[in-house]
Amino acid sequence: MVVGVACGSDLLIYKNNKPFYKFSVPSLPILALEQDAWQKLSEPDTDSSKIIENLKNTPFGLLSPRSQTLVNLPQEDIKEFIEKYSSIHLTKSSPITCMTSLKRNSEDPLAISCPVLATEQGQVYVLDPQSFTILHEAHISNAKATPSIIRASGILDIEFRIIVACREMFITLLRRGWLEGKIIIQTVLPIVDMILMPGDNFICAATTDKMLHCYTKRGNKLWSVKMNQPITCLCLIPLKHLSIALVAVGMQGGAIHLYHSRHSVDFITAPDTPSAIVFGQLGQEEHVMVIITTSGTMNFKILKRTADFNLNRDNSISPAAQSKPLPLPKRSKLFLEQSMRERQHAVDMHQSFQQDLVRLRLIAARTVVQVNSNQAAAGNEKEQLKLSAQVLGLGPMFTLILTLENMNSDKALIELSAVFHCKPSIYKLSSYISAIPLIPPGLAYKIETKVKECLNSENSTEEGAAISTTQIIRVFIVRLGQVQPVLAATINMPPTDPLAYTV
């Protein structure tokens, strides 16, 4: 077990309660004006007042910490500060504001996890847990964003979602392969804390107006609940033996309410206002809540093994209701005749059902063969050339792989090219013309092309029926000096996953 502690712009790694490694966030680029200013300040007989005045006219947030300190110093301390730091290399680091962990390649509780860091300047870094190198780097948003809370779900090598709450009162989303996040939720007041619900990936966020909000993973609000006291922290309480997940809401005064959806199912009290709550396994106990208060005390509460939070009370049936007979209808004459017919002709009815089932399977198999023959492969008997296509991906990014096979055992194929044709408003390809080298007899050659679907969520909903008829890519195999294609094929592209447009 390894523990990571963020300190300034460094991540301190402790293994077996001993210092193990220190990772430093990459330095940010320095302004040319600032770099030139410190170069002049290092020279003797330089008028520092004009240089400092130029630094004051520069936006304060763009300066390095050294320059920010310099412009705020009183006049009598400026000379000593310049002499002390002018010879030191100028760097601009960004402090780590929040961090979390993300599973690397498995959801197993004991599987290895990757540290995920968010910095003051809005950068997100996913680190390799073994070599502590940067596996993925992204920016939170195209707008100014200062992260305060970060949560992650999924698996790094497969698919993941990173949710970041910012001080600018919005929540952004980062997914696998994204270099910049997308704003999905905008709040009216600052966000106090945030958690991700397992399963549906619902987002629960608490704001400073005593409100607890729940949003879908697309940013649509589901419900809101108002508390009696200001909220100080949130904690997810997964109870796998009950197949539920509760939300612990810590409030000023020491009250901690447990919510299942929008309904309060229980509450406990702490000696002081909770500052942070953690729930999980501690020693031999699987369900332990650790409460850290604002006064610095630490409290432990163990969940009873028989606790069910009365979640099934609405589904319970009273003994009086159980004693009443069910209102079953009387047996009609038609029912009796039908039952008698089924008993007398059971074999014939079963054989008829089996014949219909076999006929249905035959029709389905014929349809599959026809679709595969029309879309996946095409051939030219004269040239003895076979073309097959394979589409990879869920969208909007696809990988189109064409396989050209020379069926001739004596003659090589030369001077061929592949030409792609599609509707430019729907698809964009990495290359529209690909030269095909010599294909020896009996061998195959593969062509890989990246396809990007250009439709957005609005177009996908308004033009659904029209788009389905144009989601095709035509491929022409042409020979140098000939007008007529050697081979032509039509590839029906699969529909894009709707979540790619809505998230």
Protein backbone atom coordinates (compact mmCIF):
# COMPACT_ATOMS: atom_id res chain seq x y z
CA MET A 1 0.00 0.00 0.00
CA VAL A 2 1.36 3.40 -1.05
CA VAL A 3 0.21 6.79 0.26
CA GLY A 4 0.48 9.98 -1.80
CA VAL A 5 0.56 13.45 -0.23
CA ALA A 6 0.31 16.64 -2.30
CA CYS A 7 2.54 19.46 -1.07
CA GLY A 8 2.74 22.55 -3.24
CA SER A 9 3.61 21.42 -6.74
CA ASP A 10 5.08 18.09 -5.54
CA LEU A 11 3.51 14.69 -4.94
CA LEU A 12 5.24 12.92 -2.06
CA ILE A 13 5.00 9.12 -2.16
CA TYR A 14 5.30 7.14 1.07
CA LYS A 15 5.74 3.37 1.12
CA ASN A 16 5.60 1.48 4.43
CA ASN A 17 5.43 4.86 6.20
CA LYS A 18 8.78 5.89 4.71
CA PRO A 19 9.56 8.44 1.97
CA PHE A 20 9.73 6.60 -1.35
CA TYR A 21 9.52 9.08 -4.26
CA LYS A 22 8.81 12.72 -5.09
CA PHE A 23 7.07 13.73 -8.30
CA SER A 24 7.14 17.38 -9.39
CA VAL A 25 4.53 18.87 -11.68
CA PRO A 26 6.07 20.11 -14.96
CA SER A 27 6.94 23.81 -14.97
CA LEU A 28 4.77 26.24 -16.90
CA PRO A 29 6.16 28.47 -19.67
CA ILE A 30 7.51 31.87 -18.58
CA LEU A 31 6.39 35.08 -20.26
CA ALA A 32 9.05 36.56 -22.53
CA LEU A 33 8.55 39.95 -20.84
CA GLU A 34 9.14 38.45 -17.42
CA GLN A 35 12.17 36.45 -18.58
CA ASP A 36 13.71 39.57 -20.09
CA ALA A 37 12.95 41.59 -16.94
CA TRP A 38 14.85 39.20 -14.65
CA GLN A 39 17.74 39.03 -17.09
CA LYS A 40 18.05 42.82 -16.91
CA LEU A 41 17.70 42.80 -13.11
CA SER A 42 20.69 40.45 -12.86
CA GLU A 43 22.87 43.03 -14.61
CA PRO A 44 24.59 45.72 -12.51
CA ASP A 45 23.53 49.38 -12.66
CA THR A 46 20.02 48.58 -13.85
CA ASP A 47 17.06 50.82 -13.07
CA SER A 48 14.81 48.33 -11.29
CA SER A 49 11.91 50.77 -10.82
CA LYS A 50 11.01 50.84 -14.54
CA ILE A 51 11.30 47.07 -14.83
CA ILE A 52 9.08 46.52 -11.80
CA GLU A 53 6.56 48.99 -13.21
CA ASN A 54 6.40 46.94 -16.41
CA LEU A 55 5.80 43.80 -14.36
CA LYS A 56 2.97 45.51 -12.48
CA ASN A 57 1.27 46.28 -15.79
CA THR A 58 1.29 42.56 -16.64
CA PRO A 59 -1.72 40.48 -15.47
CA PHE A 60 -0.90 39.24 -12.00
CA GLY A 61 -2.04 35.66 -12.67
CA LEU A 62 0.39 35.26 -15.58
CA LEU A 63 3.47 36.04 -13.47
CA SER A 64 5.60 33.50 -11.66
CA PRO A 65 5.49 33.39 -7.85
CA ARG A 66 8.87 35.17 -7.69
CA SER A 67 7.62 38.13 -9.75
CA GLN A 68 4.35 38.23 -7.82
CA THR A 69 6.33 38.58 -4.60
CA LEU A 70 8.59 41.23 -6.12
CA VAL A 71 5.78 43.56 -7.23
CA ASN A 72 4.23 43.43 -3.73
CA LEU A 73 7.43 44.13 -1.77
CA PRO A 74 8.01 47.48 -0.08
CA GLN A 75 10.65 49.73 -1.64
CA GLU A 76 13.31 49.07 1.00
CA ASP A 77 13.23 45.26 0.50
CA ILE A 78 13.36 45.20 -3.30
CA LYS A 79 17.15 45.49 -3.65
CA GLU A 80 17.86 42.66 -1.22
CA PHE A 81 15.27 40.42 -2.90
CA ILE A 82 16.76 41.01 -6.36
CA GLU A 83 20.30 40.27 -5.17
CA LYS A 84 19.11 37.04 -3.56
CA TYR A 85 17.11 35.58 -6.46
CA SER A 86 18.42 37.19 -9.67
CA SER A 87 21.08 34.50 -10.15
CA ILE A 88 18.62 31.62 -9.62
CA HIS A 89 16.92 30.10 -12.64
CA LEU A 90 13.37 31.42 -13.05
CA THR A 91 10.64 28.77 -12.90
CA LYS A 92 6.86 28.87 -12.75
CA SER A 93 5.18 25.98 -11.01
CA SER A 94 1.49 25.30 -10.49
CA PRO A 95 0.37 23.98 -7.07
CA ILE A 96 -1.67 20.80 -6.84
CA THR A 97 -5.18 21.71 -5.64
CA CYS A 98 -6.85 18.28 -5.60
CA MET A 99 -6.17 14.68 -6.56
CA THR A 100 -7.75 11.24 -6.74
CA SER A 101 -6.94 7.77 -8.07
CA LEU A 102 -8.02 5.81 -11.15
CA LYS A 103 -7.85 2.04 -11.70
CA ARG A 104 -5.22 1.08 -14.29
CA ASN A 105 -6.52 -2.12 -15.90
CA SER A 106 -8.96 -3.80 -13.51
CA GLU A 107 -11.82 -2.90 -11.17
CA ASP A 108 -10.61 -5.32 -8.51
CA PRO A 109 -10.34 -3.55 -5.11
CA LEU A 110 -6.70 -4.66 -4.80
CA ALA A 111 -5.78 -3.73 -8.38
CA ILE A 112 -3.17 -1.07 -9.03
CA SER A 113 -4.38 2.55 -9.33
CA CYS A 114 -2.95 5.61 -11.06
CA PRO A 115 -2.65 8.99 -9.29
CA VAL A 116 -4.70 11.76 -10.92
CA LEU A 117 -3.55 15.33 -10.15
CA ALA A 118 -5.23 18.67 -10.87
CA THR A 119 -3.24 21.91 -10.64
CA GLU A 120 -4.05 25.56 -10.02
CA GLN A 121 -3.65 26.41 -13.72
CA GLY A 122 -6.27 23.86 -14.79
CA GLN A 123 -4.02 20.99 -15.89
CA VAL A 124 -4.87 17.33 -15.15
CA TYR A 125 -2.13 14.68 -15.04
CA VAL A 126 -2.59 10.90 -14.90
CA LEU A 127 0.61 9.24 -13.64
CA ASP A 128 2.05 5.77 -14.06
CA PRO A 129 1.99 4.20 -10.56
CA GLN A 130 5.28 2.38 -11.13
CA SER A 131 7.55 4.77 -13.03
CA PHE A 132 5.64 7.97 -12.07
CA THR A 133 5.71 9.26 -15.62
CA ILE A 134 2.80 11.16 -17.16
CA LEU A 135 0.45 8.78 -19.00
CA HIS A 136 -2.15 11.37 -19.95
CA GLU A 137 -2.31 15.16 -19.76
CA ALA A 138 -5.35 17.34 -20.42
CA HIS A 139 -6.73 20.80 -19.73
CA ILE A 140 -9.89 21.12 -17.67
CA SER A 141 -11.70 23.60 -19.91
CA ASN A 142 -11.18 26.21 -22.60
CA ALA A 143 -12.40 28.79 -20.06
CA LYS A 144 -10.49 29.85 -16.94
CA ALA A 145 -10.90 27.00 -14.46
CA THR A 146 -9.38 26.41 -11.04
CA PRO A 147 -10.10 22.85 -9.87
CA SER A 148 -11.17 22.30 -6.28
CA ILE A 149 -12.65 18.76 -6.29
CA ILE A 150 -11.81 15.87 -8.61
CA ARG A 151 -13.44 12.45 -8.92
CA ALA A 152 -12.71 9.59 -11.33
CA SER A 153 -14.48 6.40 -12.41
CA GLY A 154 -13.77 3.62 -14.87
CA ILE A 155 -10.50 2.02 -16.01
CA LEU A 156 -7.62 3.92 -17.60
CA ASP A 157 -6.82 1.30 -20.26
CA ILE A 158 -10.48 0.85 -21.30
CA GLU A 159 -12.69 3.86 -20.61
CA PHE A 160 -12.75 6.42 -17.83
CA ARG A 161 -14.49 9.61 -16.76
CA ILE A 162 -12.88 12.38 -14.71
CA ILE A 163 -15.29 14.89 -13.14
CA VAL A 164 -13.78 18.17 -11.90
CA ALA A 165 -15.59 20.82 -9.84
CA CYS A 166 -14.06 24.28 -10.22
CA ARG A 167 -14.09 27.43 -8.10
CA GLU A 168 -15.73 29.24 -11.00
CA MET A 169 -18.98 27.37 -10.14
CA PHE A 170 -19.07 24.78 -12.91
CA ILE A 171 -18.32 21.08 -13.32
CA THR A 172 -16.35 19.71 -16.27
CA LEU A 173 -15.97 16.26 -17.77
CA LEU A 174 -12.85 14.56 -19.16
CA ARG A 175 -12.97 11.23 -21.00
CA ARG A 176 -10.42 8.88 -22.52
CA GLY A 177 -8.55 10.53 -25.39
CA TRP A 178 -9.78 14.06 -24.62
CA LEU A 179 -7.17 16.80 -24.38
CA GLU A 180 -9.66 19.37 -23.11
CA GLY A 181 -12.65 19.02 -20.80
CA LYS A 182 -16.26 19.94 -21.46
CA ILE A 183 -18.48 21.95 -19.11
CA ILE A 184 -21.59 19.88 -18.30
CA ILE A 185 -22.99 21.58 -15.17
CA GLN A 186 -23.20 25.26 -14.23
CA THR A 187 -24.20 26.11 -10.65
CA VAL A 188 -25.42 29.38 -9.18
CA LEU A 189 -23.33 29.22 -5.99
CA PRO A 190 -19.91 27.72 -5.15
CA ILE A 191 -19.62 23.95 -4.83
CA VAL A 192 -18.74 22.61 -1.37
CA ASP A 193 -18.20 18.93 -2.19
CA MET A 194 -19.03 16.39 -4.88
CA ILE A 195 -19.25 12.60 -5.24
CA LEU A 196 -19.95 10.11 -8.04
CA MET A 197 -22.65 7.48 -7.55
CA PRO A 198 -21.65 4.00 -8.79
CA GLY A 199 -23.61 2.29 -11.52
CA ASP A 200 -25.43 5.18 -13.19
CA ASN A 201 -22.55 7.64 -12.60
CA PHE A 202 -24.92 10.21 -11.12
CA ILE A 203 -23.19 13.34 -9.81
CA CYS A 204 -24.17 14.58 -6.33
CA ALA A 205 -22.96 18.10 -5.55
CA ALA A 206 -23.47 20.24 -2.46
CA THR A 207 -23.55 24.04 -2.70
CA THR A 208 -23.22 26.81 -0.14
CA ASP A 209 -27.00 27.48 -0.02
CA LYS A 210 -27.65 24.26 2.00
CA MET A 211 -28.72 22.40 -1.16
CA LEU A 212 -27.83 18.89 -2.29
CA HIS A 213 -28.24 18.44 -6.05
CA CYS A 214 -28.19 15.28 -8.14
CA TYR A 215 -27.35 15.31 -11.86
CA THR A 216 -27.13 12.68 -14.55
CA LYS A 217 -23.79 11.97 -16.21
CA ARG A 218 -24.93 14.25 -19.04
CA GLY A 219 -25.52 17.20 -16.69
CA ASN A 220 -29.33 17.07 -16.41
CA LYS A 221 -30.66 17.83 -12.93
CA LEU A 222 -32.68 15.02 -11.34
CA TRP A 223 -33.59 16.41 -7.93
CA SER A 224 -32.56 18.84 -5.19
CA VAL A 225 -32.92 18.63 -1.41
CA LYS A 226 -32.56 21.51 1.05
CA MET A 227 -30.80 20.82 4.36
CA ASN A 228 -31.39 22.41 7.75
CA GLN A 229 -27.74 23.45 8.16
CA PRO A 230 -24.93 24.40 5.76
CA ILE A 231 -23.24 21.36 4.21
CA THR A 232 -19.54 20.87 4.96
CA CYS A 233 -18.70 17.54 3.25
CA LEU A 234 -20.08 14.53 1.39
CA CYS A 235 -19.13 10.86 1.43
CA LEU A 236 -20.24 7.86 -0.61
CA ILE A 237 -21.31 4.80 1.43
CA PRO A 238 -21.49 1.71 -0.81
CA LEU A 239 -23.24 -1.27 0.80
CA LYS A 240 -22.77 -4.20 -1.55
CA HIS A 241 -24.58 -6.68 0.69
CA LEU A 242 -27.72 -4.51 0.36
CA SER A 243 -27.03 -3.55 -3.30
CA ILE A 244 -27.38 0.14 -2.50
CA ALA A 245 -25.19 3.22 -2.16
CA LEU A 246 -25.98 5.91 0.39
CA VAL A 247 -24.77 9.50 0.56
CA ALA A 248 -23.49 10.82 3.89
CA VAL A 249 -24.08 14.56 4.21
CA GLY A 250 -22.04 16.29 6.92
CA MET A 251 -23.43 19.57 8.22
CA GLN A 252 -22.46 22.29 10.64
CA GLY A 253 -23.15 21.36 14.24
CA GLY A 254 -22.10 17.71 13.87
CA ALA A 255 -25.18 16.22 12.20
CA ILE A 256 -24.56 13.61 9.49
CA HIS A 257 -27.59 12.51 7.47
CA LEU A 258 -27.65 9.40 5.30
CA TYR A 259 -29.61 9.71 2.05
CA HIS A 260 -30.85 7.06 -0.35
CA SER A 261 -31.72 9.01 -3.46
CA ARG A 262 -33.57 12.09 -2.14
CA HIS A 263 -34.92 10.34 0.97
CA SER A 264 -33.24 10.51 4.39
CA VAL A 265 -32.94 7.00 5.86
CA ASP A 266 -30.86 7.63 9.00
CA PHE A 267 -28.69 10.16 10.80
CA ILE A 268 -25.83 10.17 13.27
CA THR A 269 -24.07 12.90 15.23
CA ALA A 270 -20.44 13.87 15.68
CA PRO A 271 -19.00 15.88 18.59
CA ASP A 272 -18.17 18.76 16.23
CA THR A 273 -18.70 19.93 12.66
CA PRO A 274 -17.32 17.26 10.28
CA SER A 275 -14.59 18.44 7.94
CA ALA A 276 -14.10 15.16 6.06
CA ILE A 277 -15.77 11.74 6.06
CA VAL A 278 -14.28 8.48 4.76
CA PHE A 279 -16.07 5.12 4.57
CA GLY A 280 -14.52 1.72 3.95
CA GLN A 281 -12.70 -1.22 5.50
CA LEU A 282 -10.60 -0.77 8.63
CA GLY A 283 -8.86 -3.86 9.90
CA GLN A 284 -11.35 -6.73 10.14
CA GLU A 285 -14.37 -4.44 9.94
CA GLU A 286 -15.71 -3.92 6.42
CA HIS A 287 -18.01 -0.95 7.08
CA VAL A 288 -16.33 1.76 9.13
CA MET A 289 -16.96 5.50 8.92
CA VAL A 290 -14.08 7.78 9.86
CA ILE A 291 -15.10 11.34 10.74
CA ILE A 292 -12.56 14.16 11.01
CA THR A 293 -13.94 17.31 12.62
CA THR A 294 -12.92 20.93 12.25
CA SER A 295 -11.36 20.82 15.72
CA GLY A 296 -8.97 18.07 14.61
CA THR A 297 -10.56 15.07 16.34
CA MET A 298 -11.02 11.71 14.64
CA ASN A 299 -14.09 9.56 15.30
CA PHE A 300 -14.82 5.98 14.22
CA LYS A 301 -18.30 4.55 13.77
CA ILE A 302 -18.92 0.90 12.83
CA LEU A 303 -22.03 -0.06 10.89
CA LYS A 304 -24.12 -2.84 12.40
CA ARG A 305 -24.13 -6.00 10.34
CA THR A 306 -27.93 -6.27 10.65
CA ALA A 307 -28.64 -2.69 9.54
CA ASP A 308 -31.01 -2.47 6.56
CA PHE A 309 -32.15 1.19 6.95
CA ASN A 310 -35.81 0.07 6.52
CA LEU A 311 -35.49 0.38 2.75
CA ASN A 312 -38.10 -2.37 2.18
CA ARG A 313 -40.76 -0.97 4.46
CA ASP A 314 -42.83 0.37 1.56
CA ASN A 315 -42.83 -3.02 -0.13
CA SER A 316 -43.95 -4.96 2.93
CA ILE A 317 -47.49 -6.42 2.96
CA SER A 318 -49.51 -6.52 6.15
CA PRO A 319 -50.83 -9.89 7.46
CA ALA A 320 -54.39 -8.66 6.93
CA ALA A 321 -53.71 -8.11 3.24
CA GLN A 322 -52.05 -11.54 2.94
CA SER A 323 -55.11 -13.31 4.37
CA LYS A 324 -57.38 -11.98 1.62
CA PRO A 325 -57.76 -14.36 -1.35
CA LEU A 326 -56.65 -13.17 -4.74
CA PRO A 327 -59.51 -12.11 -7.04
CA LEU A 328 -59.05 -14.90 -9.59
CA PRO A 329 -61.63 -15.03 -12.40
CA LYS A 330 -63.88 -18.03 -12.79
CA ARG A 331 -63.05 -20.67 -15.37
CA SER A 332 -65.01 -19.91 -18.49
CA LYS A 333 -66.23 -22.40 -21.08
CA LEU A 334 -63.75 -21.02 -23.63
CA PHE A 335 -60.86 -21.59 -21.21
CA LEU A 336 -61.86 -25.20 -20.60
CA GLU A 337 -62.19 -25.90 -24.34
CA GLN A 338 -58.77 -24.37 -25.06
CA SER A 339 -57.13 -26.40 -22.28
CA MET A 340 -58.68 -29.61 -23.62
CA ARG A 341 -57.51 -28.82 -27.18
CA GLU A 342 -53.93 -28.22 -25.96
CA ARG A 343 -53.88 -31.56 -24.15
CA GLN A 344 -55.22 -33.45 -27.16
CA HIS A 345 -52.97 -31.81 -29.78
CA ALA A 346 -49.84 -31.12 -27.73
CA VAL A 347 -47.49 -32.93 -30.17
CA ASP A 348 -48.89 -31.18 -33.25
CA MET A 349 -48.69 -27.75 -31.61
CA HIS A 350 -45.10 -28.38 -30.53
CA GLN A 351 -44.06 -29.49 -34.03
CA SER A 352 -45.72 -26.44 -35.58
CA PHE A 353 -43.86 -24.17 -33.16
CA GLN A 354 -40.53 -25.85 -33.96
CA GLN A 355 -41.13 -25.46 -37.71
CA ASP A 356 -41.83 -21.75 -37.31
CA LEU A 357 -38.71 -21.37 -35.14
CA VAL A 358 -36.49 -23.12 -37.70
CA ARG A 359 -37.99 -21.01 -40.49
CA LEU A 360 -37.25 -17.83 -38.52
CA ARG A 361 -33.64 -18.89 -37.94
CA LEU A 362 -33.23 -19.66 -41.65
CA ILE A 363 -34.53 -16.23 -42.66
CA ALA A 364 -32.21 -14.55 -40.15
CA ALA A 365 -29.19 -16.53 -41.41
CA ARG A 366 -29.96 -15.66 -45.03
CA THR A 367 -30.25 -11.99 -44.13
CA VAL A 368 -26.91 -12.04 -42.30
CA VAL A 369 -25.17 -13.69 -45.25
CA GLN A 370 -26.68 -11.16 -47.65
CA VAL A 371 -25.64 -8.20 -45.51
CA ASN A 372 -22.10 -9.52 -45.09
CA SER A 373 -21.74 -10.20 -48.80
CA ASN A 374 -22.95 -6.70 -49.70
CA GLN A 375 -20.94 -4.73 -47.13
CA ALA A 376 -17.89 -6.61 -46.00
CA ALA A 377 -16.35 -7.92 -49.21
CA ALA A 378 -16.33 -7.50 -52.98
CA GLY A 379 -14.42 -9.21 -55.74
CA ASN A 380 -13.33 -8.95 -59.36
CA GLU A 381 -13.06 -12.30 -61.12
CA LYS A 382 -11.18 -10.86 -64.11
CA GLU A 383 -8.47 -9.20 -62.03
CA GLN A 384 -8.75 -11.89 -59.33
CA LEU A 385 -8.78 -9.17 -56.68
CA LYS A 386 -10.76 -9.40 -53.44
CA LEU A 387 -11.61 -6.43 -51.20
CA SER A 388 -12.87 -6.75 -47.63
CA ALA A 389 -13.60 -3.99 -45.10
CA GLN A 390 -13.66 -3.78 -41.34
CA VAL A 391 -14.88 -0.84 -39.22
CA LEU A 392 -13.57 -0.44 -35.67
CA GLY A 393 -14.86 1.96 -33.03
CA LEU A 394 -18.10 3.20 -31.48
CA GLY A 395 -17.87 6.74 -32.88
CA PRO A 396 -17.50 9.49 -33.60
CA MET A 397 -13.93 8.29 -34.39
CA PHE A 398 -13.74 5.12 -36.49
CA THR A 399 -10.89 3.13 -37.99
CA LEU A 400 -11.61 1.76 -41.45
CA ILE A 401 -9.38 -1.17 -42.43
CA LEU A 402 -9.42 -2.36 -46.05
CA THR A 403 -7.82 -5.67 -47.00
CA LEU A 404 -6.85 -6.20 -50.66
CA GLU A 405 -6.07 -9.82 -51.51
CA ASN A 406 -4.44 -10.96 -54.74
CA MET A 407 -6.25 -14.18 -55.67
CA ASN A 408 -4.04 -14.73 -58.73
CA SER A 409 -1.30 -17.29 -58.08
CA ASP A 410 0.88 -16.21 -61.04
CA LYS A 411 0.52 -12.47 -61.54
CA ALA A 412 1.27 -9.57 -59.19
CA LEU A 413 -1.02 -6.54 -58.91
CA ILE A 414 0.63 -3.20 -59.72
CA GLU A 415 -0.25 0.46 -60.31
CA LEU A 416 -3.37 0.38 -58.10
CA SER A 417 -4.80 3.10 -55.86
CA ALA A 418 -7.72 3.25 -53.41
CA VAL A 419 -10.08 6.23 -53.64
CA PHE A 420 -12.56 7.00 -50.84
CA HIS A 421 -15.75 8.93 -51.47
CA CYS A 422 -18.19 10.15 -48.79
CA LYS A 423 -20.44 13.05 -47.94
CA PRO A 424 -18.13 15.74 -46.47
CA SER A 425 -20.80 17.08 -44.13
CA ILE A 426 -21.01 13.71 -42.39
CA TYR A 427 -17.53 12.16 -42.52
CA LYS A 428 -13.96 13.41 -42.66
CA LEU A 429 -11.18 11.00 -43.56
CA SER A 430 -7.50 11.14 -42.75
CA SER A 431 -6.74 10.33 -46.39
CA TYR A 432 -8.96 10.14 -49.45
CA ILE A 433 -6.47 8.57 -51.84
CA SER A 434 -4.03 5.80 -50.90
CA ALA A 435 -1.43 4.40 -53.23
CA ILE A 436 -1.25 0.60 -53.20
CA PRO A 437 2.20 -0.94 -53.62
CA LEU A 438 2.87 -4.13 -55.55
CA ILE A 439 0.85 -7.05 -54.15
CA PRO A 440 2.60 -10.38 -54.82
CA PRO A 441 0.52 -13.43 -55.84
CA GLY A 442 -1.47 -14.95 -53.02
CA LEU A 443 -0.72 -12.14 -50.55
CA ALA A 444 -2.85 -9.36 -49.06
CA TYR A 445 -2.30 -5.68 -48.29
CA LYS A 446 -4.09 -3.65 -45.61
CA ILE A 447 -5.02 0.04 -45.78
CA GLU A 448 -5.94 1.84 -42.56
CA THR A 449 -7.88 5.12 -42.65
CA LYS A 450 -9.21 7.22 -39.78
CA VAL A 451 -12.84 8.33 -40.14
CA LYS A 452 -14.39 11.10 -38.05
CA GLU A 453 -18.14 11.69 -37.98
CA CYS A 454 -18.84 15.42 -38.14
CA LEU A 455 -22.39 15.44 -36.84
CA ASN A 456 -23.15 16.99 -33.47
CA SER A 457 -25.94 16.11 -31.06
CA GLU A 458 -28.38 18.63 -32.56
CA ASN A 459 -27.93 17.37 -36.09
CA SER A 460 -28.13 13.76 -34.98
CA THR A 461 -31.57 14.28 -33.50
CA GLU A 462 -33.06 16.52 -36.19
CA GLU A 463 -31.82 14.62 -39.25
CA GLY A 464 -31.96 11.06 -37.96
CA ALA A 465 -33.94 9.53 -40.82
CA ALA A 466 -32.07 11.42 -43.57
CA ILE A 467 -28.65 10.65 -42.16
CA SER A 468 -29.22 6.89 -42.04
CA THR A 469 -29.38 6.80 -45.85
CA THR A 470 -26.11 8.72 -46.30
CA GLN A 471 -23.94 6.99 -43.69
CA ILE A 472 -21.95 5.18 -46.35
CA ILE A 473 -18.42 5.36 -47.69
CA ARG A 474 -17.69 4.27 -51.24
CA VAL A 475 -14.33 2.71 -52.10
CA PHE A 476 -12.95 2.56 -55.63
CA ILE A 477 -9.88 0.55 -56.61
CA VAL A 478 -8.51 2.23 -59.73
CA ARG A 479 -5.58 1.49 -62.01
CA LEU A 480 -3.23 4.11 -63.43
CA GLY A 481 -4.34 5.19 -66.91
CA GLN A 482 -7.80 3.57 -66.74
CA VAL A 483 -11.09 5.46 -66.36
CA GLN A 484 -13.26 2.59 -65.17
CA PRO A 485 -12.55 1.34 -61.61
CA VAL A 486 -11.13 -2.12 -61.22
CA LEU A 487 -13.30 -2.72 -58.16
CA ALA A 488 -15.96 -0.74 -56.29
CA ALA A 489 -17.60 -1.33 -52.93
CA THR A 490 -20.04 0.43 -50.62
CA ILE A 491 -19.41 0.36 -46.87
CA ASN A 492 -22.33 1.06 -44.54
CA MET A 493 -20.92 2.80 -41.47
CA PRO A 494 -22.34 1.80 -38.08
CA PRO A 495 -24.39 4.33 -36.11
CA THR A 496 -22.47 6.38 -33.57
CA ASP A 497 -23.00 5.81 -29.85
CA PRO A 498 -25.44 8.59 -28.73
CA LEU A 499 -23.34 9.19 -25.58
CA ALA A 500 -20.51 10.50 -27.79
CA TYR A 501 -22.71 13.48 -28.76
CA THR A 502 -24.42 14.12 -25.41
CA VAL A 503 -21.37 13.94 -23.13
